[in-house]
Amino acid sequence: MIIFKACAISKIMKTMTCKQLGGSCDKEFQAKTFEKIAEMSKKHGMEMCGKGDEDHINAMKKMKDLMNNHEGMKEWMKSKQKEFESVPEK
């Protein structure tokens, strides 16, 4: 019974989209932590930029501009962390 509960807990994930994370499409990412979902989103954005996707290139430019403003980026990350925490678990 304890093993079953541990396995059931480990499968709980949260889902956010590329758009929710500052991107430009509806691709979904699932992860247990905000850090992991942010990493997945960043990788996706870089892949799409590498393919020449203009919408993702523009979104990455906006994120780059935000990253130049330390306080702005800090607030953005804080708000996305809160959004992640409010997402229902699946």
C-alpha atoms as a PDB file:
ATOM      1  CA  MET A   1       0.000   0.000   0.000  1.00  0.00           C
ATOM      2  CA  ILE A   2       2.777   2.479   0.811  1.00  0.00           C
ATOM      3  CA  ILE A   3       4.565   1.641  -2.436  1.00  0.00           C
ATOM      4  CA  PHE A   4       1.362   2.243  -4.393  1.00  0.00           C
ATOM      5  CA  LYS A   5       0.892   5.663  -2.802  1.00  0.00           C
ATOM      6  CA  ALA A   6       4.480   6.631  -3.603  1.00  0.00           C
ATOM      7  CA  CYS A   7       3.997   5.598  -7.235  1.00  0.00           C
ATOM      8  CA  ALA A   8       0.699   7.433  -7.515  1.00  0.00           C
ATOM      9  CA  ILE A   9       2.218  10.627  -6.129  1.00  0.00           C
ATOM     10  CA  SER A  10       5.191  10.465  -8.499  1.00  0.00           C
ATOM     11  CA  LYS A  11       2.868  10.548 -11.545  1.00  0.00           C
ATOM     12  CA  ILE A  12       1.201  13.843 -10.580  1.00  0.00           C
ATOM     13  CA  MET A  13       2.085  16.494 -13.137  1.00  0.00           C
ATOM     14  CA  LYS A  14       1.090  20.035 -13.970  1.00  0.00           C
ATOM     15  CA  THR A  15       0.571  21.285 -17.504  1.00  0.00           C
ATOM     16  CA  MET A  16       1.343  24.705 -18.981  1.00  0.00           C
ATOM     17  CA  THR A  17       1.498  25.866 -22.576  1.00  0.00           C
ATOM     18  CA  CYS A  18       4.193  27.616 -24.523  1.00  0.00           C
ATOM     19  CA  LYS A  19       2.003  30.757 -24.565  1.00  0.00           C
ATOM     20  CA  GLN A  20       1.562  30.680 -20.785  1.00  0.00           C
ATOM     21  CA  LEU A  21       5.348  30.660 -20.474  1.00  0.00           C
ATOM     22  CA  GLY A  22       5.948  33.607 -22.792  1.00  0.00           C
ATOM     23  CA  GLY A  23       6.039  31.682 -26.067  1.00  0.00           C
ATOM     24  CA  SER A  24       3.803  31.751 -29.099  1.00  0.00           C
ATOM     25  CA  CYS A  25       2.044  28.399 -29.489  1.00  0.00           C
ATOM     26  CA  ASP A  26      -0.220  25.992 -27.662  1.00  0.00           C
ATOM     27  CA  LYS A  27       2.314  23.197 -27.201  1.00  0.00           C
ATOM     28  CA  GLU A  28       1.824  21.688 -23.749  1.00  0.00           C
ATOM     29  CA  PHE A  29       4.565  20.865 -21.284  1.00  0.00           C
ATOM     30  CA  GLN A  30       4.050  18.589 -18.286  1.00  0.00           C
ATOM     31  CA  ALA A  31       6.311  18.499 -15.250  1.00  0.00           C
ATOM     32  CA  LYS A  32       6.274  18.181 -11.483  1.00  0.00           C
ATOM     33  CA  THR A  33       8.201  21.413 -10.880  1.00  0.00           C
ATOM     34  CA  PHE A  34       8.175  24.915 -12.310  1.00  0.00           C
ATOM     35  CA  GLU A  35      11.911  24.699 -12.922  1.00  0.00           C
ATOM     36  CA  LYS A  36      11.503  21.627 -15.117  1.00  0.00           C
ATOM     37  CA  ILE A  37       8.593  23.061 -17.083  1.00  0.00           C
ATOM     38  CA  ALA A  38      10.535  26.301 -17.651  1.00  0.00           C
ATOM     39  CA  GLU A  39      13.509  24.267 -18.892  1.00  0.00           C
ATOM     40  CA  MET A  40      11.264  22.353 -21.313  1.00  0.00           C
ATOM     41  CA  SER A  41       9.739  25.593 -22.588  1.00  0.00           C
ATOM     42  CA  LYS A  42      13.150  27.168 -23.138  1.00  0.00           C
ATOM     43  CA  LYS A  43      14.366  24.120 -25.071  1.00  0.00           C
ATOM     44  CA  HIS A  44      11.236  24.176 -27.241  1.00  0.00           C
ATOM     45  CA  GLY A  45      11.653  27.902 -27.931  1.00  0.00           C
ATOM     46  CA  MET A  46      15.264  27.424 -28.968  1.00  0.00           C
ATOM     47  CA  GLU A  47      14.330  24.508 -31.241  1.00  0.00           C
ATOM     48  CA  MET A  48      11.573  26.517 -32.909  1.00  0.00           C
ATOM     49  CA  CYS A  49      13.865  29.515 -33.362  1.00  0.00           C
ATOM     50  CA  GLY A  50      16.423  27.192 -34.917  1.00  0.00           C
ATOM     51  CA  LYS A  51      13.745  26.147 -37.418  1.00  0.00           C
ATOM     52  CA  GLY A  52      13.154  29.803 -38.280  1.00  0.00           C
ATOM     53  CA  ASP A  53       9.666  30.073 -36.761  1.00  0.00           C
ATOM     54  CA  GLU A  54       8.982  33.822 -36.776  1.00  0.00           C
ATOM     55  CA  ASP A  55       6.407  33.752 -33.964  1.00  0.00           C
ATOM     56  CA  HIS A  56       8.833  31.983 -31.639  1.00  0.00           C
ATOM     57  CA  ILE A  57      11.715  34.239 -32.719  1.00  0.00           C
ATOM     58  CA  ASN A  58       9.624  37.294 -31.785  1.00  0.00           C
ATOM     59  CA  ALA A  59       8.641  35.729 -28.446  1.00  0.00           C
ATOM     60  CA  MET A  60      12.306  34.965 -27.705  1.00  0.00           C
ATOM     61  CA  LYS A  61      13.231  38.580 -28.517  1.00  0.00           C
ATOM     62  CA  LYS A  62      10.634  39.772 -25.986  1.00  0.00           C
ATOM     63  CA  MET A  63      12.013  37.368 -23.378  1.00  0.00           C
ATOM     64  CA  LYS A  64      15.556  38.549 -24.105  1.00  0.00           C
ATOM     65  CA  ASP A  65      14.457  42.163 -23.577  1.00  0.00           C
ATOM     66  CA  LEU A  66      12.789  41.154 -20.314  1.00  0.00           C
ATOM     67  CA  MET A  67      15.961  39.393 -19.179  1.00  0.00           C
ATOM     68  CA  ASN A  68      17.866  42.682 -19.594  1.00  0.00           C
ATOM     69  CA  ASN A  69      15.657  44.133 -16.846  1.00  0.00           C
ATOM     70  CA  HIS A  70      16.641  42.182 -13.723  1.00  0.00           C
ATOM     71  CA  GLU A  71      13.682  43.341 -11.620  1.00  0.00           C
ATOM     72  CA  GLY A  72      11.247  42.818 -14.473  1.00  0.00           C
ATOM     73  CA  MET A  73      12.516  39.292 -15.043  1.00  0.00           C
ATOM     74  CA  LYS A  74      12.379  38.543 -11.339  1.00  0.00           C
ATOM     75  CA  GLU A  75       8.737  39.659 -11.188  1.00  0.00           C
ATOM     76  CA  TRP A  76       7.869  37.733 -14.356  1.00  0.00           C
ATOM     77  CA  MET A  77       9.399  34.535 -12.950  1.00  0.00           C
ATOM     78  CA  LYS A  78       7.578  35.061  -9.657  1.00  0.00           C
ATOM     79  CA  SER A  79       4.238  35.474 -11.449  1.00  0.00           C
ATOM     80  CA  LYS A  80       4.825  32.378 -13.604  1.00  0.00           C
ATOM     81  CA  GLN A  81       5.784  30.362 -10.520  1.00  0.00           C
ATOM     82  CA  LYS A  82       2.486  31.398  -8.906  1.00  0.00           C
ATOM     83  CA  GLU A  83       0.606  30.509 -12.082  1.00  0.00           C
ATOM     84  CA  PHE A  84       2.290  27.088 -12.109  1.00  0.00           C
ATOM     85  CA  GLU A  85       1.323  26.530  -8.474  1.00  0.00           C
ATOM     86  CA  SER A  86      -2.315  27.361  -9.272  1.00  0.00           C
ATOM     87  CA  VAL A  87      -2.518  24.887 -12.173  1.00  0.00           C
ATOM     88  CA  PRO A  88      -4.507  21.778 -11.223  1.00  0.00           C
ATOM     89  CA  GLU A  89      -2.536  18.552 -10.997  1.00  0.00           C
ATOM     90  CA  LYS A  90      -3.245  15.789 -13.496  1.00  0.00           C
END
